Amino acid sequence: MAEAPENPKHTIAVLVENKFGVLSRVAGLFSARGYNIESLSVGETLDPSVSRMTLVVAGDAFVIEQVMKQLHKLIDVIKVINLSEETHVEREMLLIRVNAEPAARAEILRVVDIFRAKVVDVTAASYTLEVTGEESKIEAILELLRPFGIQEVVRTGKVAIARSPKMRLRRVEEKLGKAAPARPASQDPRVVGFAD
């Protein structure tokens, strides 16, 4: 018998008023309807009166539509965006403490280098590493470090941001009457990490 396909994960950004009890109301909305929040990150925005929640929820189109509608109904919610429907950048952070026997230290440091991770703490018996990236990168480094003996893992939830349209920068410069010099994106400090 074939297994039912797993529901796709959706990343939802929610701007809310930065007030006491808002997180509880959002979490209550999910639990009351039997939906599971797979990941949740919350932080203040540039405006201290507004917080941004980044939620990861698994579900089919109907479930996600219901989640979006229910979130819109909450009085403290300002805006709801399904980032999965847009091009976006998402990251997650992992702190991991791994056994670091003297014979294995060089190999662990090679893995750290390959994944562009950082060693943030060292003891006689362990390394604590910081890894930032997409979920697939986090899962891959965990698999490679498992044979060394993982002592503890702490993961943040996903954070995500929609990509800006490529044309926006050019339009702003045109409005200001500036002609931007043509230079490769790799040398342009305004578009660091922007994939063409």
N, C-alpha and C. Protein backbone atom coordinates (compact mmCIF):
# COMPACT_ATOMS: atom_id res chain seq x y z
N MET A 1 0.84 -1.18 0.00
CA MET A 1 0.00 0.00 0.00
C MET A 1 0.88 1.24 0.00
N ALA A 2 0.61 2.18 -0.85
CA ALA A 2 1.41 3.41 -0.95
C ALA A 2 1.06 4.36 0.19
N GLU A 3 2.10 5.03 0.69
CA GLU A 3 1.89 6.01 1.76
C GLU A 3 1.27 7.27 1.18
N ALA A 4 0.48 7.94 2.00
CA ALA A 4 -0.09 9.23 1.58
C ALA A 4 1.04 10.24 1.45
N PRO A 5 1.01 11.07 0.41
CA PRO A 5 2.08 12.05 0.26
C PRO A 5 2.07 13.04 1.42
N GLU A 6 3.27 13.45 1.82
CA GLU A 6 3.39 14.40 2.92
C GLU A 6 2.95 15.77 2.44
N ASN A 7 2.21 16.48 3.30
CA ASN A 7 1.76 17.82 2.95
C ASN A 7 2.96 18.75 2.83
N PRO A 8 2.93 19.64 1.84
CA PRO A 8 4.05 20.58 1.68
C PRO A 8 4.09 21.58 2.83
N LYS A 9 5.29 22.07 3.11
CA LYS A 9 5.47 23.07 4.16
C LYS A 9 5.32 24.46 3.54
N HIS A 10 4.64 25.33 4.26
CA HIS A 10 4.45 26.71 3.82
C HIS A 10 5.05 27.64 4.86
N THR A 11 5.76 28.65 4.39
CA THR A 11 6.33 29.66 5.28
C THR A 11 5.43 30.89 5.22
N ILE A 12 4.92 31.27 6.39
CA ILE A 12 3.97 32.38 6.49
C ILE A 12 4.56 33.46 7.38
N ALA A 13 4.58 34.69 6.89
CA ALA A 13 5.04 35.84 7.67
C ALA A 13 3.81 36.58 8.16
N VAL A 14 3.81 36.92 9.45
CA VAL A 14 2.67 37.62 10.05
C VAL A 14 3.20 38.84 10.80
N LEU A 15 2.74 40.01 10.40
CA LEU A 15 3.06 41.24 11.14
C LEU A 15 1.96 41.45 12.16
N VAL A 16 2.36 41.62 13.43
CA VAL A 16 1.39 41.76 14.52
C VAL A 16 1.77 42.94 15.39
N GLU A 17 0.80 43.43 16.14
CA GLU A 17 1.08 44.47 17.12
C GLU A 17 1.93 43.84 18.22
N ASN A 18 2.96 44.55 18.64
CA ASN A 18 3.89 44.05 19.65
C ASN A 18 3.28 44.29 21.04
N LYS A 19 2.33 43.41 21.39
CA LYS A 19 1.62 43.55 22.65
C LYS A 19 1.59 42.21 23.38
N PHE A 20 1.37 42.31 24.67
CA PHE A 20 1.26 41.14 25.53
C PHE A 20 0.11 40.24 25.05
N GLY A 21 0.36 38.94 24.93
CA GLY A 21 -0.69 37.98 24.63
C GLY A 21 -0.91 37.68 23.16
N VAL A 22 -0.28 38.40 22.25
CA VAL A 22 -0.51 38.18 20.82
C VAL A 22 0.00 36.80 20.41
N LEU A 23 1.19 36.44 20.84
CA LEU A 23 1.74 35.12 20.50
C LEU A 23 0.82 34.02 21.00
N SER A 24 0.30 34.18 22.20
CA SER A 24 -0.62 33.19 22.77
C SER A 24 -1.88 33.05 21.92
N ARG A 25 -2.42 34.17 21.43
CA ARG A 25 -3.63 34.12 20.60
C ARG A 25 -3.35 33.43 19.26
N VAL A 26 -2.19 33.70 18.67
CA VAL A 26 -1.86 33.05 17.40
C VAL A 26 -1.67 31.54 17.62
N ALA A 27 -0.94 31.17 18.66
CA ALA A 27 -0.74 29.74 18.95
C ALA A 27 -2.08 29.07 19.28
N GLY A 28 -2.94 29.76 20.01
CA GLY A 28 -4.26 29.22 20.35
C GLY A 28 -5.12 28.98 19.12
N LEU A 29 -5.01 29.87 18.14
CA LEU A 29 -5.74 29.71 16.89
C LEU A 29 -5.36 28.38 16.23
N PHE A 30 -4.08 28.08 16.22
CA PHE A 30 -3.61 26.84 15.58
C PHE A 30 -4.04 25.61 16.38
N SER A 31 -3.87 25.65 17.68
CA SER A 31 -4.20 24.47 18.49
C SER A 31 -5.71 24.21 18.50
N ALA A 32 -6.52 25.26 18.50
CA ALA A 32 -7.98 25.09 18.52
C ALA A 32 -8.48 24.41 17.26
N ARG A 33 -7.77 24.58 16.17
CA ARG A 33 -8.20 23.98 14.90
C ARG A 33 -7.42 22.72 14.54
N GLY A 34 -6.54 22.30 15.43
CA GLY A 34 -5.79 21.06 15.20
C GLY A 34 -4.66 21.18 14.20
N TYR A 35 -4.18 22.41 13.94
CA TYR A 35 -3.05 22.61 13.03
C TYR A 35 -1.77 22.63 13.86
N ASN A 36 -0.70 22.12 13.27
CA ASN A 36 0.58 22.10 13.96
C ASN A 36 1.51 23.16 13.39
N ILE A 37 2.14 23.92 14.28
CA ILE A 37 3.17 24.87 13.87
C ILE A 37 4.49 24.11 13.92
N GLU A 38 5.12 23.93 12.77
CA GLU A 38 6.38 23.18 12.72
C GLU A 38 7.56 24.02 13.16
N SER A 39 7.47 25.33 12.94
CA SER A 39 8.54 26.24 13.31
C SER A 39 7.93 27.61 13.55
N LEU A 40 8.49 28.33 14.54
CA LEU A 40 7.98 29.66 14.86
C LEU A 40 9.13 30.53 15.33
N SER A 41 9.29 31.68 14.69
CA SER A 41 10.28 32.67 15.09
C SER A 41 9.56 34.01 15.22
N VAL A 42 9.88 34.74 16.27
CA VAL A 42 9.23 36.03 16.49
C VAL A 42 10.30 37.06 16.85
N GLY A 43 10.18 38.24 16.29
CA GLY A 43 11.11 39.31 16.63
C GLY A 43 10.52 40.66 16.29
N GLU A 44 11.04 41.67 16.95
CA GLU A 44 10.62 43.05 16.73
C GLU A 44 11.09 43.50 15.35
N THR A 45 10.32 44.37 14.71
CA THR A 45 10.70 44.94 13.41
C THR A 45 11.38 46.29 13.64
N LEU A 46 11.61 47.04 12.57
CA LEU A 46 12.19 48.37 12.70
C LEU A 46 11.30 49.27 13.55
N ASP A 47 10.00 49.03 13.48
CA ASP A 47 9.03 49.76 14.31
C ASP A 47 8.83 48.95 15.60
N PRO A 48 9.25 49.45 16.75
CA PRO A 48 9.14 48.68 18.00
C PRO A 48 7.72 48.30 18.39
N SER A 49 6.71 48.92 17.78
CA SER A 49 5.33 48.57 18.12
C SER A 49 4.81 47.40 17.28
N VAL A 50 5.66 46.90 16.35
CA VAL A 50 5.26 45.80 15.46
C VAL A 50 6.27 44.66 15.56
N SER A 51 5.76 43.44 15.67
CA SER A 51 6.61 42.25 15.65
C SER A 51 6.29 41.45 14.39
N ARG A 52 7.28 40.65 13.98
CA ARG A 52 7.09 39.78 12.82
C ARG A 52 7.22 38.34 13.27
N MET A 53 6.22 37.55 12.94
CA MET A 53 6.26 36.11 13.21
C MET A 53 6.51 35.41 11.88
N THR A 54 7.40 34.44 11.91
CA THR A 54 7.60 33.58 10.75
C THR A 54 7.20 32.18 11.18
N LEU A 55 6.14 31.68 10.56
CA LEU A 55 5.59 30.37 10.90
C LEU A 55 5.83 29.40 9.75
N VAL A 56 6.10 28.16 10.07
CA VAL A 56 6.15 27.10 9.06
C VAL A 56 5.04 26.12 9.42
N VAL A 57 4.14 25.91 8.45
CA VAL A 57 2.97 25.07 8.66
C VAL A 57 2.88 24.10 7.50
N ALA A 58 2.62 22.84 7.80
CA ALA A 58 2.43 21.84 6.75
C ALA A 58 0.94 21.70 6.49
N GLY A 59 0.59 21.64 5.21
CA GLY A 59 -0.82 21.46 4.88
C GLY A 59 -1.06 21.61 3.40
N ASP A 60 -2.22 21.10 2.99
CA ASP A 60 -2.60 21.26 1.59
C ASP A 60 -3.14 22.67 1.38
N ALA A 61 -3.54 22.97 0.17
CA ALA A 61 -3.99 24.33 -0.17
C ALA A 61 -5.17 24.76 0.69
N PHE A 62 -6.10 23.84 0.99
CA PHE A 62 -7.27 24.17 1.80
C PHE A 62 -6.85 24.57 3.21
N VAL A 63 -5.97 23.79 3.82
CA VAL A 63 -5.52 24.08 5.19
C VAL A 63 -4.82 25.43 5.24
N ILE A 64 -3.94 25.70 4.29
CA ILE A 64 -3.20 26.97 4.30
C ILE A 64 -4.16 28.13 4.09
N GLU A 65 -5.14 27.97 3.21
CA GLU A 65 -6.14 29.03 2.99
C GLU A 65 -6.90 29.30 4.29
N GLN A 66 -7.27 28.26 5.01
CA GLN A 66 -7.98 28.43 6.28
C GLN A 66 -7.10 29.13 7.32
N VAL A 67 -5.83 28.72 7.39
CA VAL A 67 -4.89 29.34 8.32
C VAL A 67 -4.78 30.83 8.03
N MET A 68 -4.61 31.18 6.76
CA MET A 68 -4.47 32.59 6.37
C MET A 68 -5.74 33.38 6.75
N LYS A 69 -6.90 32.83 6.47
CA LYS A 69 -8.16 33.51 6.79
C LYS A 69 -8.31 33.71 8.29
N GLN A 70 -7.99 32.67 9.07
CA GLN A 70 -8.12 32.77 10.52
C GLN A 70 -7.13 33.78 11.11
N LEU A 71 -5.92 33.81 10.56
CA LEU A 71 -4.93 34.79 11.03
C LEU A 71 -5.41 36.22 10.75
N HIS A 72 -5.99 36.43 9.57
CA HIS A 72 -6.50 37.76 9.21
C HIS A 72 -7.59 38.22 10.18
N LYS A 73 -8.34 37.30 10.76
CA LYS A 73 -9.44 37.65 11.67
C LYS A 73 -8.96 38.13 13.04
N LEU A 74 -7.73 37.77 13.42
CA LEU A 74 -7.24 38.18 14.74
C LEU A 74 -7.04 39.69 14.76
N ILE A 75 -7.49 40.33 15.81
CA ILE A 75 -7.48 41.79 15.88
C ILE A 75 -6.07 42.38 15.90
N ASP A 76 -5.10 41.67 16.47
CA ASP A 76 -3.74 42.20 16.59
C ASP A 76 -2.90 41.95 15.34
N VAL A 77 -3.44 41.25 14.36
CA VAL A 77 -2.70 40.95 13.13
C VAL A 77 -2.83 42.11 12.16
N ILE A 78 -1.69 42.57 11.67
CA ILE A 78 -1.64 43.69 10.73
C ILE A 78 -1.61 43.19 9.29
N LYS A 79 -0.79 42.16 9.02
CA LYS A 79 -0.61 41.67 7.66
C LYS A 79 -0.18 40.21 7.70
N VAL A 80 -0.66 39.41 6.73
CA VAL A 80 -0.29 38.00 6.62
C VAL A 80 0.18 37.76 5.18
N ILE A 81 1.35 37.14 5.04
CA ILE A 81 1.93 36.87 3.72
C ILE A 81 2.35 35.41 3.65
N ASN A 82 1.90 34.70 2.62
CA ASN A 82 2.37 33.35 2.38
C ASN A 82 3.63 33.46 1.52
N LEU A 83 4.78 33.40 2.17
CA LEU A 83 6.05 33.56 1.44
C LEU A 83 6.33 32.41 0.49
N SER A 84 5.68 31.28 0.70
CA SER A 84 5.88 30.13 -0.19
C SER A 84 5.37 30.41 -1.60
N GLU A 85 4.51 31.42 -1.73
CA GLU A 85 3.99 31.77 -3.05
C GLU A 85 4.85 32.81 -3.75
N GLU A 86 5.91 33.28 -3.09
CA GLU A 86 6.80 34.30 -3.64
C GLU A 86 8.23 33.78 -3.63
N THR A 87 9.10 34.43 -4.40
CA THR A 87 10.51 34.10 -4.26
C THR A 87 10.97 34.74 -2.95
N HIS A 88 11.67 33.97 -2.18
CA HIS A 88 12.10 34.45 -0.87
C HIS A 88 13.39 33.78 -0.45
N VAL A 89 13.99 34.35 0.57
CA VAL A 89 15.21 33.79 1.16
C VAL A 89 14.83 33.33 2.55
N GLU A 90 15.23 32.12 2.90
CA GLU A 90 14.96 31.64 4.26
C GLU A 90 16.21 31.03 4.86
N ARG A 91 16.35 31.20 6.16
CA ARG A 91 17.50 30.68 6.88
C ARG A 91 17.04 30.14 8.23
N GLU A 92 17.88 29.28 8.75
CA GLU A 92 17.68 28.70 10.06
C GLU A 92 19.06 28.64 10.71
N MET A 93 19.12 28.73 12.02
CA MET A 93 20.40 28.62 12.70
C MET A 93 20.39 27.39 13.60
N LEU A 94 21.55 26.75 13.69
CA LEU A 94 21.74 25.56 14.50
C LEU A 94 22.95 25.77 15.40
N LEU A 95 22.79 25.51 16.68
CA LEU A 95 23.93 25.39 17.59
C LEU A 95 24.02 23.92 17.93
N ILE A 96 25.20 23.37 17.77
CA ILE A 96 25.38 21.93 18.01
C ILE A 96 26.67 21.69 18.79
N ARG A 97 26.55 20.89 19.85
CA ARG A 97 27.75 20.50 20.60
C ARG A 97 28.05 19.06 20.22
N VAL A 98 29.27 18.86 19.72
CA VAL A 98 29.68 17.55 19.21
C VAL A 98 30.93 17.09 19.95
N ASN A 99 31.02 15.78 20.20
CA ASN A 99 32.23 15.22 20.81
C ASN A 99 33.41 15.54 19.91
N ALA A 100 34.54 15.93 20.53
CA ALA A 100 35.73 16.27 19.75
C ALA A 100 36.93 15.56 20.34
N GLU A 101 36.97 14.26 20.11
CA GLU A 101 38.14 13.48 20.54
C GLU A 101 39.35 13.98 19.75
N PRO A 102 40.54 13.96 20.34
CA PRO A 102 41.72 14.48 19.64
C PRO A 102 41.91 13.91 18.23
N ALA A 103 41.62 12.64 18.04
CA ALA A 103 41.81 12.01 16.73
C ALA A 103 40.79 12.51 15.69
N ALA A 104 39.65 13.02 16.15
CA ALA A 104 38.58 13.42 15.23
C ALA A 104 38.53 14.93 15.00
N ARG A 105 39.30 15.70 15.75
CA ARG A 105 39.19 17.16 15.68
C ARG A 105 39.43 17.71 14.27
N ALA A 106 40.44 17.24 13.60
CA ALA A 106 40.76 17.75 12.26
C ALA A 106 39.63 17.45 11.28
N GLU A 107 39.04 16.28 11.37
CA GLU A 107 37.94 15.92 10.49
C GLU A 107 36.70 16.78 10.76
N ILE A 108 36.41 17.04 12.04
CA ILE A 108 35.27 17.90 12.39
C ILE A 108 35.51 19.31 11.84
N LEU A 109 36.73 19.81 11.98
CA LEU A 109 37.03 21.15 11.47
C LEU A 109 36.94 21.22 9.94
N ARG A 110 37.23 20.12 9.24
CA ARG A 110 37.04 20.08 7.79
C ARG A 110 35.56 20.20 7.44
N VAL A 111 34.71 19.49 8.18
CA VAL A 111 33.26 19.58 7.96
C VAL A 111 32.79 21.01 8.23
N VAL A 112 33.27 21.60 9.32
CA VAL A 112 32.92 22.98 9.67
C VAL A 112 33.30 23.91 8.52
N ASP A 113 34.48 23.74 7.96
CA ASP A 113 34.95 24.59 6.87
C ASP A 113 34.09 24.40 5.62
N ILE A 114 33.79 23.17 5.26
CA ILE A 114 32.99 22.89 4.07
C ILE A 114 31.62 23.54 4.16
N PHE A 115 31.01 23.51 5.34
CA PHE A 115 29.67 24.05 5.53
C PHE A 115 29.66 25.52 5.95
N ARG A 116 30.83 26.14 5.96
CA ARG A 116 30.97 27.54 6.38
C ARG A 116 30.33 27.77 7.75
N ALA A 117 30.53 26.82 8.63
CA ALA A 117 30.05 26.94 10.00
C ALA A 117 31.11 27.65 10.82
N LYS A 118 30.80 27.91 12.09
CA LYS A 118 31.76 28.55 12.99
C LYS A 118 31.89 27.72 14.25
N VAL A 119 33.10 27.64 14.76
CA VAL A 119 33.32 27.05 16.08
C VAL A 119 33.15 28.21 17.06
N VAL A 120 32.15 28.11 17.95
CA VAL A 120 31.88 29.21 18.87
C VAL A 120 32.29 28.90 20.31
N ASP A 121 32.64 27.62 20.59
CA ASP A 121 33.13 27.25 21.91
C ASP A 121 33.93 25.95 21.79
N VAL A 122 35.00 25.87 22.57
CA VAL A 122 35.86 24.68 22.55
C VAL A 122 36.13 24.28 23.99
N THR A 123 35.98 22.98 24.26
CA THR A 123 36.42 22.43 25.54
C THR A 123 37.37 21.28 25.23
N ALA A 124 37.89 20.65 26.26
CA ALA A 124 38.81 19.53 26.05
C ALA A 124 38.11 18.36 25.36
N ALA A 125 36.78 18.26 25.51
CA ALA A 125 36.07 17.10 24.98
C ALA A 125 35.04 17.43 23.89
N SER A 126 34.83 18.73 23.59
CA SER A 126 33.77 19.04 22.62
C SER A 126 34.01 20.35 21.89
N TYR A 127 33.31 20.46 20.75
CA TYR A 127 33.21 21.71 20.01
C TYR A 127 31.75 22.11 20.02
N THR A 128 31.49 23.40 20.15
CA THR A 128 30.15 23.92 19.91
C THR A 128 30.22 24.70 18.62
N LEU A 129 29.33 24.34 17.69
CA LEU A 129 29.35 24.90 16.35
C LEU A 129 28.09 25.71 16.09
N GLU A 130 28.22 26.74 15.25
CA GLU A 130 27.08 27.53 14.79
C GLU A 130 26.99 27.34 13.29
N VAL A 131 25.81 26.94 12.82
CA VAL A 131 25.58 26.73 11.40
C VAL A 131 24.35 27.53 11.00
N THR A 132 24.44 28.26 9.91
CA THR A 132 23.30 29.02 9.40
C THR A 132 23.08 28.65 7.95
N GLY A 133 21.83 28.42 7.58
CA GLY A 133 21.53 28.10 6.19
C GLY A 133 20.13 27.57 6.03
N GLU A 134 19.87 27.04 4.85
CA GLU A 134 18.58 26.45 4.57
C GLU A 134 18.46 25.12 5.31
N GLU A 135 17.24 24.64 5.42
CA GLU A 135 16.97 23.41 6.17
C GLU A 135 17.79 22.24 5.65
N SER A 136 17.98 22.15 4.33
CA SER A 136 18.74 21.03 3.76
C SER A 136 20.20 21.07 4.21
N LYS A 137 20.77 22.25 4.33
CA LYS A 137 22.15 22.39 4.80
C LYS A 137 22.26 21.96 6.27
N ILE A 138 21.29 22.37 7.08
CA ILE A 138 21.28 22.01 8.50
C ILE A 138 21.19 20.49 8.64
N GLU A 139 20.29 19.87 7.88
CA GLU A 139 20.13 18.41 7.95
C GLU A 139 21.40 17.69 7.50
N ALA A 140 22.05 18.22 6.46
CA ALA A 140 23.25 17.57 5.92
C ALA A 140 24.40 17.59 6.93
N ILE A 141 24.63 18.71 7.60
CA ILE A 141 25.73 18.76 8.56
C ILE A 141 25.43 17.90 9.78
N LEU A 142 24.16 17.83 10.17
CA LEU A 142 23.79 16.94 11.29
C LEU A 142 24.14 15.49 10.95
N GLU A 143 23.82 15.08 9.72
CA GLU A 143 24.12 13.70 9.30
C GLU A 143 25.62 13.43 9.32
N LEU A 144 26.43 14.40 8.87
CA LEU A 144 27.88 14.20 8.83
C LEU A 144 28.50 14.19 10.22
N LEU A 145 27.91 14.93 11.16
CA LEU A 145 28.48 15.01 12.51
C LEU A 145 27.97 13.91 13.44
N ARG A 146 26.89 13.24 13.06
CA ARG A 146 26.32 12.18 13.91
C ARG A 146 27.34 11.10 14.31
N PRO A 147 28.18 10.63 13.40
CA PRO A 147 29.15 9.58 13.78
C PRO A 147 30.16 10.01 14.86
N PHE A 148 30.39 11.31 15.00
CA PHE A 148 31.33 11.79 16.01
C PHE A 148 30.70 11.82 17.40
N GLY A 149 29.38 11.81 17.46
CA GLY A 149 28.66 11.85 18.73
C GLY A 149 28.16 13.24 19.04
N ILE A 150 26.90 13.46 18.77
CA ILE A 150 26.28 14.76 19.05
C ILE A 150 25.79 14.77 20.48
N GLN A 151 26.21 15.78 21.24
CA GLN A 151 25.80 15.90 22.64
C GLN A 151 24.50 16.67 22.78
N GLU A 152 24.37 17.74 22.01
CA GLU A 152 23.17 18.58 22.13
C GLU A 152 22.97 19.38 20.86
N VAL A 153 21.69 19.62 20.53
CA VAL A 153 21.32 20.39 19.35
C VAL A 153 20.27 21.42 19.75
N VAL A 154 20.46 22.66 19.29
CA VAL A 154 19.46 23.72 19.48
C VAL A 154 19.26 24.37 18.12
N ARG A 155 18.00 24.42 17.66
CA ARG A 155 17.68 25.02 16.36
C ARG A 155 16.73 26.18 16.54
N THR A 156 16.95 27.22 15.76
CA THR A 156 15.97 28.29 15.71
C THR A 156 14.89 27.85 14.74
N GLY A 157 13.82 28.57 14.70
CA GLY A 157 12.86 28.36 13.64
C GLY A 157 13.36 29.07 12.40
N LYS A 158 12.67 28.86 11.31
CA LYS A 158 13.04 29.55 10.07
C LYS A 158 12.73 31.03 10.18
N VAL A 159 13.57 31.82 9.58
CA VAL A 159 13.24 33.22 9.32
C VAL A 159 13.29 33.37 7.81
N ALA A 160 12.42 34.21 7.27
CA ALA A 160 12.35 34.34 5.81
C ALA A 160 11.99 35.77 5.45
N ILE A 161 12.42 36.17 4.27
CA ILE A 161 12.11 37.49 3.75
C ILE A 161 11.91 37.37 2.24
N ALA A 162 10.93 38.09 1.73
CA ALA A 162 10.67 38.08 0.29
C ALA A 162 11.79 38.81 -0.43
N ARG A 163 12.12 38.33 -1.61
CA ARG A 163 13.13 39.01 -2.42
C ARG A 163 12.52 40.27 -3.01
N SER A 164 13.33 41.30 -3.13
CA SER A 164 12.89 42.53 -3.80
C SER A 164 12.92 42.31 -5.29
N PRO A 165 12.04 42.98 -6.00
CA PRO A 165 12.12 42.89 -7.47
C PRO A 165 13.44 43.50 -7.93
N LYS A 166 14.07 42.90 -8.93
CA LYS A 166 15.36 43.38 -9.42
C LYS A 166 15.27 44.79 -9.98
N MET A 167 14.14 45.17 -10.50
CA MET A 167 14.00 46.46 -11.15
C MET A 167 13.89 47.62 -10.17
N ARG A 168 13.57 47.37 -8.92
CA ARG A 168 13.33 48.44 -7.96
C ARG A 168 14.53 49.38 -7.83
N LEU A 169 15.74 48.85 -7.71
CA LEU A 169 16.93 49.67 -7.54
C LEU A 169 17.14 50.59 -8.74
N ARG A 170 16.97 50.05 -9.93
CA ARG A 170 17.15 50.86 -11.12
C ARG A 170 16.12 52.00 -11.17
N ARG A 171 14.87 51.70 -10.81
CA ARG A 171 13.82 52.72 -10.83
C ARG A 171 14.12 53.84 -9.84
N VAL A 172 14.59 53.49 -8.66
CA VAL A 172 14.92 54.50 -7.65
C VAL A 172 16.03 55.40 -8.17
N GLU A 173 17.06 54.81 -8.78
CA GLU A 173 18.16 55.61 -9.31
C GLU A 173 17.70 56.50 -10.45
N GLU A 174 16.78 55.99 -11.29
CA GLU A 174 16.25 56.80 -12.38
C GLU A 174 15.48 57.99 -11.83
N LYS A 175 14.69 57.79 -10.79
CA LYS A 175 13.92 58.87 -10.18
C LYS A 175 14.83 59.93 -9.57
N LEU A 176 15.97 59.48 -9.04
CA LEU A 176 16.91 60.41 -8.46
C LEU A 176 17.80 61.07 -9.51
N GLY A 177 17.66 60.65 -10.78
CA GLY A 177 18.44 61.22 -11.86
C GLY A 177 19.87 60.71 -11.91
N LYS A 178 20.10 59.57 -11.29
CA LYS A 178 21.45 59.00 -11.30
C LYS A 178 21.49 57.86 -12.29
N ALA A 179 22.56 57.79 -13.02
CA ALA A 179 22.79 56.65 -13.90
C ALA A 179 23.76 55.73 -13.17
N ALA A 180 23.29 54.56 -12.85
CA ALA A 180 24.13 53.61 -12.11
C ALA A 180 25.18 53.04 -13.04
N PRO A 181 26.44 53.03 -12.61
CA PRO A 181 27.47 52.41 -13.45
C PRO A 181 27.24 50.91 -13.52
N ALA A 182 27.44 50.37 -14.70
CA ALA A 182 27.24 48.93 -14.87
C ALA A 182 28.42 48.20 -14.26
N ARG A 183 28.13 47.38 -13.27
CA ARG A 183 29.16 46.54 -12.68
C ARG A 183 28.54 45.21 -12.31
N PRO A 184 29.35 44.16 -12.30
CA PRO A 184 28.80 42.84 -12.00
C PRO A 184 28.19 42.82 -10.59
N ALA A 185 27.15 42.02 -10.43
CA ALA A 185 26.47 41.93 -9.14
C ALA A 185 27.42 41.49 -8.03
N SER A 186 28.43 40.70 -8.38
CA SER A 186 29.37 40.22 -7.37
C SER A 186 30.19 41.35 -6.77
N GLN A 187 30.30 42.51 -7.49
CA GLN A 187 31.06 43.64 -6.98
C GLN A 187 30.16 44.75 -6.46
N ASP A 188 28.86 44.60 -6.58
CA ASP A 188 27.92 45.63 -6.17
C ASP A 188 27.52 45.42 -4.71
N PRO A 189 27.91 46.31 -3.78
CA PRO A 189 27.63 46.10 -2.36
C PRO A 189 26.13 46.14 -2.04
N ARG A 190 25.32 46.70 -2.93
CA ARG A 190 23.89 46.79 -2.65
C ARG A 190 23.17 45.48 -2.87
N VAL A 191 23.78 44.55 -3.58
CA VAL A 191 23.10 43.30 -3.90
C VAL A 191 23.90 42.10 -3.44
N VAL A 192 24.52 42.20 -2.29
CA VAL A 192 25.30 41.10 -1.76
C VAL A 192 24.37 39.91 -1.54
N GLY A 193 24.73 38.78 -2.08
CA GLY A 193 23.94 37.57 -1.92
C GLY A 193 22.74 37.51 -2.85
N PHE A 194 22.62 38.46 -3.75
CA PHE A 194 21.46 38.47 -4.65
C PHE A 194 21.81 37.64 -5.87
N ALA A 195 21.03 36.62 -6.13
CA ALA A 195 21.30 35.74 -7.27
C ALA A 195 20.67 36.31 -8.53
N ASP A 196 21.45 36.44 -9.56
CA ASP A 196 20.92 36.96 -10.83
C ASP A 196 20.25 35.87 -11.60
